[in-house]
Amino acid sequence: MHEDPQDKTTPRWWGRIACTWAVTFAVLHFYWALGGSWGLSVSAGPLAEERPGWFVVVGLWGVGMLCLVGGMLGWLLARPRPHGLAGRAVKTLGWCACAVLVVRSIAVEVLVLSDAVGREIDVSPEQRLWTLALWNPWFLVGGLVFGLAARQFGRASGPSSGGA
């Protein structure tokens, strides 16, 4: 009889970490959406001061809700993999989250380092530092964690029917 080394009793740590990463980011966005300002001014610049309605609705509440969806995906990646379409969909979404977060972190890092947008966007030296030192690495870590969770999820499966 074949035994899966990652059967349903084995914890899927990367999925749990991905869930925690996403929920942490959601909480931060909800804090900002409710009027909190710690850390927002160095990431959003003038938008943090002005807080136009579209920014609060889309950039704070919307991103917070999207992060909660990411948290649910992380939680699903920590569960035993269901057979069939559902399992493939969760794994694919995990890889998609990985790709989006990694590409976002690298693209913004390159844009900021190369000053590709020039003077069209007013980015303070403090915003630049926080983007390079905190935000982009945060997105890169999230992408790598979702990738590792998808990889682990792909190797694990739910209860098997027996033979190898």
N, C-alpha and C. Protein backbone atom coordinates (compact mmCIF):
# COMPACT_ATOMS: atom_id res chain seq x y z
N MET A 1 0.84 -1.18 0.00
CA MET A 1 0.00 0.00 0.00
C MET A 1 0.88 1.24 0.00
N HIS A 2 0.55 2.18 -0.86
CA HIS A 2 1.31 3.43 -0.97
C HIS A 2 0.83 4.42 0.08
N GLU A 3 1.77 5.01 0.81
CA GLU A 3 1.42 6.03 1.79
C GLU A 3 1.91 7.38 1.30
N ASP A 4 1.03 8.35 1.28
CA ASP A 4 1.38 9.71 0.90
C ASP A 4 2.09 10.35 2.09
N PRO A 5 3.36 10.80 1.91
CA PRO A 5 4.07 11.41 3.02
C PRO A 5 3.42 12.70 3.50
N GLN A 6 2.55 13.28 2.69
CA GLN A 6 1.83 14.48 3.10
C GLN A 6 0.35 14.19 3.10
N ASP A 7 -0.05 13.18 3.85
CA ASP A 7 -1.46 12.86 3.89
C ASP A 7 -2.20 13.95 4.68
N LYS A 8 -3.48 13.76 4.89
CA LYS A 8 -4.28 14.83 5.47
C LYS A 8 -3.90 15.16 6.91
N THR A 9 -3.08 14.38 7.56
CA THR A 9 -2.66 14.70 8.92
C THR A 9 -1.42 15.59 8.93
N THR A 10 -0.75 15.71 7.81
CA THR A 10 0.46 16.53 7.74
C THR A 10 0.08 17.99 7.55
N PRO A 11 0.57 18.87 8.40
CA PRO A 11 0.22 20.28 8.24
C PRO A 11 0.84 20.85 6.96
N ARG A 12 0.12 21.69 6.33
CA ARG A 12 0.60 22.39 5.15
C ARG A 12 0.98 23.80 5.57
N TRP A 13 2.19 23.96 6.07
CA TRP A 13 2.63 25.22 6.67
C TRP A 13 2.64 26.37 5.68
N TRP A 14 3.04 26.13 4.45
CA TRP A 14 3.11 27.23 3.50
C TRP A 14 1.74 27.82 3.23
N GLY A 15 0.72 27.01 3.16
CA GLY A 15 -0.64 27.51 2.99
C GLY A 15 -1.08 28.34 4.18
N ARG A 16 -0.72 27.89 5.37
CA ARG A 16 -1.06 28.66 6.58
C ARG A 16 -0.32 29.99 6.61
N ILE A 17 0.93 29.97 6.19
CA ILE A 17 1.71 31.21 6.15
C ILE A 17 1.14 32.15 5.09
N ALA A 18 0.75 31.61 3.93
CA ALA A 18 0.14 32.44 2.88
C ALA A 18 -1.16 33.06 3.39
N CYS A 19 -1.96 32.29 4.09
CA CYS A 19 -3.20 32.80 4.67
C CYS A 19 -2.90 33.94 5.64
N THR A 20 -1.94 33.74 6.51
CA THR A 20 -1.57 34.76 7.49
C THR A 20 -1.04 36.01 6.81
N TRP A 21 -0.21 35.83 5.79
CA TRP A 21 0.34 36.96 5.04
C TRP A 21 -0.80 37.80 4.48
N ALA A 22 -1.75 37.16 3.81
CA ALA A 22 -2.84 37.88 3.15
C ALA A 22 -3.76 38.55 4.16
N VAL A 23 -4.09 37.87 5.25
CA VAL A 23 -4.99 38.44 6.25
C VAL A 23 -4.31 39.62 6.95
N THR A 24 -3.02 39.52 7.19
CA THR A 24 -2.28 40.64 7.79
C THR A 24 -2.36 41.87 6.89
N PHE A 25 -2.17 41.67 5.60
CA PHE A 25 -2.24 42.78 4.66
C PHE A 25 -3.66 43.33 4.59
N ALA A 26 -4.67 42.47 4.69
CA ALA A 26 -6.07 42.92 4.69
C ALA A 26 -6.34 43.80 5.91
N VAL A 27 -5.90 43.35 7.08
CA VAL A 27 -6.11 44.11 8.31
C VAL A 27 -5.47 45.50 8.19
N LEU A 28 -4.28 45.57 7.63
CA LEU A 28 -3.60 46.85 7.45
C LEU A 28 -4.42 47.76 6.52
N HIS A 29 -4.95 47.23 5.44
CA HIS A 29 -5.76 48.03 4.52
C HIS A 29 -7.06 48.49 5.18
N PHE A 30 -7.68 47.63 5.99
CA PHE A 30 -8.91 48.03 6.67
C PHE A 30 -8.62 49.11 7.72
N TYR A 31 -7.49 49.00 8.38
CA TYR A 31 -7.06 50.03 9.34
C TYR A 31 -6.94 51.38 8.62
N TRP A 32 -6.30 51.36 7.46
CA TRP A 32 -6.17 52.59 6.68
C TRP A 32 -7.53 53.09 6.19
N ALA A 33 -8.39 52.19 5.75
CA ALA A 33 -9.70 52.57 5.23
C ALA A 33 -10.55 53.21 6.33
N LEU A 34 -10.34 52.79 7.56
CA LEU A 34 -11.10 53.35 8.69
C LEU A 34 -10.49 54.65 9.23
N GLY A 35 -9.45 55.13 8.58
CA GLY A 35 -8.87 56.41 8.96
C GLY A 35 -7.48 56.35 9.55
N GLY A 36 -6.96 55.16 9.78
CA GLY A 36 -5.60 55.03 10.31
C GLY A 36 -4.59 55.56 9.32
N SER A 37 -3.49 56.05 9.82
CA SER A 37 -2.51 56.64 8.91
C SER A 37 -1.11 56.05 9.06
N TRP A 38 -0.84 55.29 10.10
CA TRP A 38 0.50 54.76 10.31
C TRP A 38 0.94 53.95 9.09
N GLY A 39 2.03 54.38 8.46
CA GLY A 39 2.60 53.68 7.32
C GLY A 39 1.99 54.02 5.98
N LEU A 40 0.83 54.66 5.97
CA LEU A 40 0.17 54.95 4.69
C LEU A 40 0.83 56.09 3.95
N SER A 41 1.24 57.12 4.66
CA SER A 41 1.80 58.29 3.98
C SER A 41 3.09 57.95 3.23
N VAL A 42 3.87 57.00 3.76
CA VAL A 42 5.12 56.65 3.08
C VAL A 42 4.88 55.67 1.93
N SER A 43 3.69 55.13 1.84
CA SER A 43 3.42 54.22 0.73
C SER A 43 2.52 54.86 -0.32
N ALA A 44 1.62 55.73 0.09
CA ALA A 44 0.67 56.31 -0.86
C ALA A 44 0.89 57.80 -1.09
N GLY A 45 1.78 58.40 -0.37
CA GLY A 45 2.10 59.82 -0.58
C GLY A 45 0.91 60.74 -0.43
N PRO A 46 0.68 61.62 -1.42
CA PRO A 46 -0.40 62.60 -1.33
C PRO A 46 -1.78 61.97 -1.21
N LEU A 47 -1.97 60.78 -1.76
CA LEU A 47 -3.28 60.12 -1.64
C LEU A 47 -3.63 59.86 -0.18
N ALA A 48 -2.61 59.61 0.64
CA ALA A 48 -2.84 59.36 2.06
C ALA A 48 -3.37 60.60 2.75
N GLU A 49 -2.90 61.76 2.33
CA GLU A 49 -3.35 63.02 2.93
C GLU A 49 -4.74 63.40 2.42
N GLU A 50 -4.93 63.29 1.12
CA GLU A 50 -6.18 63.74 0.50
C GLU A 50 -7.31 62.73 0.68
N ARG A 51 -6.98 61.44 0.63
CA ARG A 51 -7.96 60.34 0.73
C ARG A 51 -9.19 60.54 -0.14
N PRO A 52 -8.99 60.65 -1.46
CA PRO A 52 -10.17 60.75 -2.33
C PRO A 52 -11.02 59.49 -2.21
N GLY A 53 -12.31 59.64 -2.48
CA GLY A 53 -13.25 58.52 -2.32
C GLY A 53 -12.85 57.28 -3.08
N TRP A 54 -12.41 57.44 -4.35
CA TRP A 54 -12.04 56.28 -5.15
C TRP A 54 -10.88 55.53 -4.51
N PHE A 55 -9.94 56.26 -3.90
CA PHE A 55 -8.78 55.62 -3.28
C PHE A 55 -9.20 54.81 -2.05
N VAL A 56 -10.10 55.37 -1.25
CA VAL A 56 -10.56 54.66 -0.06
C VAL A 56 -11.35 53.42 -0.45
N VAL A 57 -12.26 53.58 -1.43
CA VAL A 57 -13.11 52.45 -1.84
C VAL A 57 -12.31 51.36 -2.55
N VAL A 58 -11.52 51.75 -3.55
CA VAL A 58 -10.80 50.77 -4.36
C VAL A 58 -9.47 50.38 -3.73
N GLY A 59 -8.67 51.37 -3.38
CA GLY A 59 -7.30 51.13 -2.93
C GLY A 59 -7.19 50.61 -1.51
N LEU A 60 -8.19 50.90 -0.69
CA LEU A 60 -8.11 50.44 0.70
C LEU A 60 -9.14 49.34 0.99
N TRP A 61 -10.44 49.64 0.86
CA TRP A 61 -11.45 48.61 1.10
C TRP A 61 -11.36 47.49 0.06
N GLY A 62 -11.21 47.86 -1.20
CA GLY A 62 -11.16 46.86 -2.28
C GLY A 62 -9.96 45.94 -2.16
N VAL A 63 -8.79 46.53 -1.94
CA VAL A 63 -7.58 45.71 -1.79
C VAL A 63 -7.68 44.87 -0.52
N GLY A 64 -8.26 45.44 0.55
CA GLY A 64 -8.44 44.66 1.78
C GLY A 64 -9.31 43.44 1.54
N MET A 65 -10.40 43.62 0.79
CA MET A 65 -11.28 42.48 0.48
C MET A 65 -10.56 41.47 -0.41
N LEU A 66 -9.80 41.95 -1.37
CA LEU A 66 -9.02 41.05 -2.23
C LEU A 66 -8.01 40.26 -1.40
N CYS A 67 -7.43 40.91 -0.41
CA CYS A 67 -6.50 40.21 0.48
C CYS A 67 -7.21 39.13 1.30
N LEU A 68 -8.47 39.40 1.69
CA LEU A 68 -9.22 38.35 2.40
C LEU A 68 -9.49 37.16 1.49
N VAL A 69 -9.74 37.41 0.22
CA VAL A 69 -9.89 36.32 -0.74
C VAL A 69 -8.57 35.55 -0.82
N GLY A 70 -7.45 36.28 -0.84
CA GLY A 70 -6.13 35.63 -0.81
C GLY A 70 -5.94 34.81 0.46
N GLY A 71 -6.45 35.32 1.58
CA GLY A 71 -6.37 34.57 2.83
C GLY A 71 -7.16 33.26 2.74
N MET A 72 -8.32 33.34 2.10
CA MET A 72 -9.12 32.12 1.91
C MET A 72 -8.38 31.14 1.01
N LEU A 73 -7.74 31.66 -0.02
CA LEU A 73 -6.95 30.80 -0.91
C LEU A 73 -5.81 30.14 -0.13
N GLY A 74 -5.12 30.90 0.70
CA GLY A 74 -4.06 30.33 1.53
C GLY A 74 -4.60 29.23 2.43
N TRP A 75 -5.77 29.47 3.01
CA TRP A 75 -6.40 28.47 3.88
C TRP A 75 -6.72 27.21 3.08
N LEU A 76 -7.25 27.38 1.86
CA LEU A 76 -7.54 26.22 1.02
C LEU A 76 -6.27 25.47 0.65
N LEU A 77 -5.18 26.21 0.42
CA LEU A 77 -3.91 25.56 0.09
C LEU A 77 -3.34 24.80 1.28
N ALA A 78 -3.79 25.10 2.48
CA ALA A 78 -3.34 24.40 3.68
C ALA A 78 -4.17 23.15 3.96
N ARG A 79 -5.24 22.97 3.22
CA ARG A 79 -6.14 21.83 3.42
C ARG A 79 -5.71 20.66 2.52
N PRO A 80 -6.23 19.48 2.80
CA PRO A 80 -5.97 18.37 1.87
C PRO A 80 -6.52 18.70 0.49
N ARG A 81 -5.79 18.29 -0.53
CA ARG A 81 -6.19 18.61 -1.89
C ARG A 81 -7.36 17.73 -2.32
N PRO A 82 -8.46 18.37 -2.73
CA PRO A 82 -9.56 17.56 -3.27
C PRO A 82 -9.21 17.08 -4.67
N HIS A 83 -9.80 15.98 -5.06
CA HIS A 83 -9.57 15.44 -6.40
C HIS A 83 -10.36 16.24 -7.42
N GLY A 84 -9.92 16.19 -8.64
CA GLY A 84 -10.68 16.76 -9.74
C GLY A 84 -10.48 18.25 -9.94
N LEU A 85 -11.50 18.86 -10.51
CA LEU A 85 -11.46 20.26 -10.91
C LEU A 85 -11.21 21.20 -9.73
N ALA A 86 -11.82 20.94 -8.60
CA ALA A 86 -11.64 21.82 -7.44
C ALA A 86 -10.18 21.88 -7.01
N GLY A 87 -9.52 20.75 -6.95
CA GLY A 87 -8.11 20.72 -6.58
C GLY A 87 -7.23 21.42 -7.58
N ARG A 88 -7.52 21.20 -8.86
CA ARG A 88 -6.74 21.88 -9.91
C ARG A 88 -6.96 23.39 -9.88
N ALA A 89 -8.20 23.81 -9.60
CA ALA A 89 -8.51 25.25 -9.55
C ALA A 89 -7.77 25.93 -8.40
N VAL A 90 -7.76 25.31 -7.23
CA VAL A 90 -7.07 25.89 -6.08
C VAL A 90 -5.57 25.98 -6.35
N LYS A 91 -5.01 24.91 -6.89
CA LYS A 91 -3.58 24.92 -7.20
C LYS A 91 -3.25 26.00 -8.23
N THR A 92 -4.06 26.11 -9.28
CA THR A 92 -3.84 27.12 -10.32
C THR A 92 -3.95 28.53 -9.74
N LEU A 93 -4.95 28.77 -8.90
CA LEU A 93 -5.09 30.09 -8.28
C LEU A 93 -3.90 30.40 -7.37
N GLY A 94 -3.37 29.38 -6.70
CA GLY A 94 -2.17 29.59 -5.87
C GLY A 94 -0.99 30.02 -6.72
N TRP A 95 -0.80 29.36 -7.87
CA TRP A 95 0.29 29.74 -8.77
C TRP A 95 0.04 31.12 -9.37
N CYS A 96 -1.21 31.46 -9.66
CA CYS A 96 -1.54 32.79 -10.19
C CYS A 96 -1.23 33.87 -9.16
N ALA A 97 -1.60 33.63 -7.90
CA ALA A 97 -1.28 34.59 -6.84
C ALA A 97 0.23 34.77 -6.73
N CYS A 98 0.95 33.68 -6.80
CA CYS A 98 2.42 33.73 -6.78
C CYS A 98 2.94 34.61 -7.90
N ALA A 99 2.48 34.35 -9.12
CA ALA A 99 2.98 35.09 -10.28
C ALA A 99 2.66 36.58 -10.19
N VAL A 100 1.43 36.91 -9.83
CA VAL A 100 1.03 38.32 -9.75
C VAL A 100 1.87 39.05 -8.70
N LEU A 101 2.05 38.46 -7.53
CA LEU A 101 2.80 39.13 -6.47
C LEU A 101 4.28 39.26 -6.80
N VAL A 102 4.86 38.22 -7.37
CA VAL A 102 6.29 38.28 -7.73
C VAL A 102 6.51 39.28 -8.85
N VAL A 103 5.68 39.23 -9.89
CA VAL A 103 5.83 40.18 -11.01
C VAL A 103 5.62 41.60 -10.52
N ARG A 104 4.63 41.82 -9.67
CA ARG A 104 4.38 43.16 -9.13
C ARG A 104 5.60 43.67 -8.37
N SER A 105 6.16 42.83 -7.52
CA SER A 105 7.30 43.28 -6.70
C SER A 105 8.52 43.60 -7.57
N ILE A 106 8.79 42.75 -8.54
CA ILE A 106 9.96 42.97 -9.39
C ILE A 106 9.74 44.16 -10.32
N ALA A 107 8.55 44.27 -10.91
CA ALA A 107 8.27 45.37 -11.84
C ALA A 107 8.37 46.72 -11.14
N VAL A 108 7.77 46.84 -9.96
CA VAL A 108 7.83 48.11 -9.25
C VAL A 108 9.25 48.40 -8.79
N GLU A 109 9.97 47.39 -8.37
CA GLU A 109 11.37 47.58 -7.96
C GLU A 109 12.19 48.14 -9.13
N VAL A 110 12.03 47.54 -10.30
CA VAL A 110 12.75 47.99 -11.48
C VAL A 110 12.33 49.42 -11.85
N LEU A 111 11.03 49.69 -11.83
CA LEU A 111 10.55 51.03 -12.17
C LEU A 111 11.09 52.09 -11.21
N VAL A 112 11.10 51.79 -9.93
CA VAL A 112 11.59 52.76 -8.94
C VAL A 112 13.10 52.93 -9.07
N LEU A 113 13.83 51.83 -9.18
CA LEU A 113 15.30 51.92 -9.29
C LEU A 113 15.75 52.62 -10.57
N SER A 114 15.03 52.39 -11.66
CA SER A 114 15.43 52.98 -12.94
C SER A 114 14.84 54.37 -13.14
N ASP A 115 13.96 54.79 -12.24
CA ASP A 115 13.28 56.08 -12.36
C ASP A 115 12.58 56.17 -13.72
N ALA A 116 11.97 55.06 -14.12
CA ALA A 116 11.34 54.97 -15.44
C ALA A 116 10.19 55.95 -15.63
N VAL A 117 9.49 56.31 -14.56
CA VAL A 117 8.38 57.24 -14.69
C VAL A 117 8.84 58.69 -14.65
N GLY A 118 10.13 58.88 -14.38
CA GLY A 118 10.69 60.22 -14.38
C GLY A 118 10.02 61.12 -13.38
N ARG A 119 9.81 62.34 -13.77
CA ARG A 119 9.20 63.34 -12.87
C ARG A 119 7.69 63.40 -13.01
N GLU A 120 7.11 62.47 -13.80
CA GLU A 120 5.66 62.48 -13.98
C GLU A 120 4.92 62.13 -12.70
N ILE A 121 5.55 61.34 -11.85
CA ILE A 121 4.95 60.97 -10.57
C ILE A 121 5.88 61.48 -9.48
N ASP A 122 5.31 62.25 -8.57
CA ASP A 122 6.10 62.83 -7.49
C ASP A 122 6.30 61.79 -6.39
N VAL A 123 7.47 61.21 -6.33
CA VAL A 123 7.81 60.21 -5.32
C VAL A 123 8.90 60.79 -4.43
N SER A 124 8.59 60.92 -3.15
CA SER A 124 9.57 61.48 -2.23
C SER A 124 10.67 60.46 -1.96
N PRO A 125 11.83 60.93 -1.50
CA PRO A 125 12.89 59.98 -1.14
C PRO A 125 12.44 58.98 -0.07
N GLU A 126 11.60 59.44 0.87
CA GLU A 126 11.10 58.54 1.91
C GLU A 126 10.20 57.46 1.31
N GLN A 127 9.31 57.85 0.37
CA GLN A 127 8.45 56.87 -0.30
C GLN A 127 9.29 55.87 -1.08
N ARG A 128 10.29 56.36 -1.75
CA ARG A 128 11.18 55.51 -2.54
C ARG A 128 11.86 54.48 -1.64
N LEU A 129 12.39 54.93 -0.51
CA LEU A 129 13.07 54.04 0.43
C LEU A 129 12.11 52.97 0.95
N TRP A 130 10.91 53.37 1.39
CA TRP A 130 9.96 52.41 1.93
C TRP A 130 9.48 51.44 0.86
N THR A 131 9.34 51.92 -0.36
CA THR A 131 8.93 51.03 -1.46
C THR A 131 10.00 49.98 -1.71
N LEU A 132 11.25 50.42 -1.76
CA LEU A 132 12.35 49.49 -2.05
C LEU A 132 12.66 48.57 -0.87
N ALA A 133 12.57 49.09 0.35
CA ALA A 133 13.01 48.33 1.52
C ALA A 133 11.90 47.53 2.19
N LEU A 134 10.64 47.96 2.05
CA LEU A 134 9.57 47.27 2.77
C LEU A 134 8.51 46.69 1.83
N TRP A 135 7.87 47.55 1.03
CA TRP A 135 6.70 47.10 0.28
C TRP A 135 7.03 46.07 -0.79
N ASN A 136 8.01 46.33 -1.61
CA ASN A 136 8.34 45.36 -2.66
C ASN A 136 8.83 44.03 -2.09
N PRO A 137 9.70 44.05 -1.08
CA PRO A 137 10.05 42.76 -0.47
C PRO A 137 8.84 42.05 0.15
N TRP A 138 7.90 42.82 0.70
CA TRP A 138 6.68 42.24 1.28
C TRP A 138 5.89 41.50 0.20
N PHE A 139 5.75 42.10 -0.97
CA PHE A 139 5.05 41.45 -2.08
C PHE A 139 5.84 40.24 -2.58
N LEU A 140 7.14 40.35 -2.63
CA LEU A 140 7.97 39.22 -3.07
C LEU A 140 7.83 38.04 -2.11
N VAL A 141 7.88 38.31 -0.82
CA VAL A 141 7.70 37.25 0.18
C VAL A 141 6.33 36.60 0.02
N GLY A 142 5.29 37.42 -0.14
CA GLY A 142 3.95 36.88 -0.33
C GLY A 142 3.87 36.00 -1.57
N GLY A 143 4.47 36.45 -2.66
CA GLY A 143 4.46 35.64 -3.88
C GLY A 143 5.18 34.32 -3.71
N LEU A 144 6.34 34.37 -3.07
CA LEU A 144 7.09 33.13 -2.85
C LEU A 144 6.33 32.18 -1.93
N VAL A 145 5.68 32.72 -0.92
CA VAL A 145 4.92 31.87 0.01
C VAL A 145 3.74 31.22 -0.70
N PHE A 146 3.02 31.99 -1.53
CA PHE A 146 1.92 31.38 -2.29
C PHE A 146 2.44 30.33 -3.26
N GLY A 147 3.60 30.57 -3.87
CA GLY A 147 4.19 29.59 -4.76
C GLY A 147 4.56 28.30 -4.03
N LEU A 148 5.16 28.45 -2.86
CA LEU A 148 5.51 27.26 -2.07
C LEU A 148 4.26 26.52 -1.59
N ALA A 149 3.22 27.29 -1.26
CA ALA A 149 1.96 26.65 -0.83
C ALA A 149 1.33 25.89 -2.00
N ALA A 150 1.35 26.49 -3.19
CA ALA A 150 0.79 25.81 -4.37
C ALA A 150 1.60 24.57 -4.70
N ARG A 151 2.91 24.67 -4.57
CA ARG A 151 3.78 23.52 -4.84
C ARG A 151 3.49 22.39 -3.85
N GLN A 152 3.39 22.74 -2.59
CA GLN A 152 3.11 21.73 -1.56
C GLN A 152 1.71 21.15 -1.75
N PHE A 153 0.76 22.01 -2.11
CA PHE A 153 -0.62 21.57 -2.34
C PHE A 153 -0.66 20.60 -3.51
N GLY A 154 0.11 20.86 -4.52
CA GLY A 154 0.16 19.99 -5.70
C GLY A 154 0.71 18.62 -5.40
N ARG A 155 1.53 18.53 -4.38
CA ARG A 155 2.12 17.24 -4.02
C ARG A 155 1.28 16.47 -3.03
N ALA A 156 0.40 17.15 -2.36
CA ALA A 156 -0.44 16.50 -1.36
C ALA A 156 -1.80 16.22 -1.97
N SER A 157 -2.44 15.22 -1.48
CA SER A 157 -3.78 14.92 -1.95
C SER A 157 -4.61 14.44 -0.79
N GLY A 158 -5.90 14.43 -1.02
CA GLY A 158 -6.82 13.95 0.00
C GLY A 158 -6.66 12.45 0.16
N PRO A 159 -7.60 11.84 0.86
CA PRO A 159 -7.52 10.40 1.07
C PRO A 159 -7.42 9.65 -0.25
N SER A 160 -6.46 8.75 -0.31
CA SER A 160 -6.26 8.01 -1.55
C SER A 160 -7.05 6.71 -1.51
N SER A 161 -7.18 6.13 -2.69
CA SER A 161 -7.97 4.91 -2.79
C SER A 161 -7.13 3.67 -2.60
N GLY A 162 -5.88 3.85 -2.27
CA GLY A 162 -5.09 2.67 -1.99
C GLY A 162 -3.83 2.57 -2.80
N GLY A 163 -3.67 1.55 -3.62
CA GLY A 163 -2.45 1.16 -4.32
C GLY A 163 -1.69 2.24 -5.02
N ALA A 164 -0.41 1.94 -5.29
CA ALA A 164 0.45 2.90 -5.93
C ALA A 164 0.51 2.73 -7.40
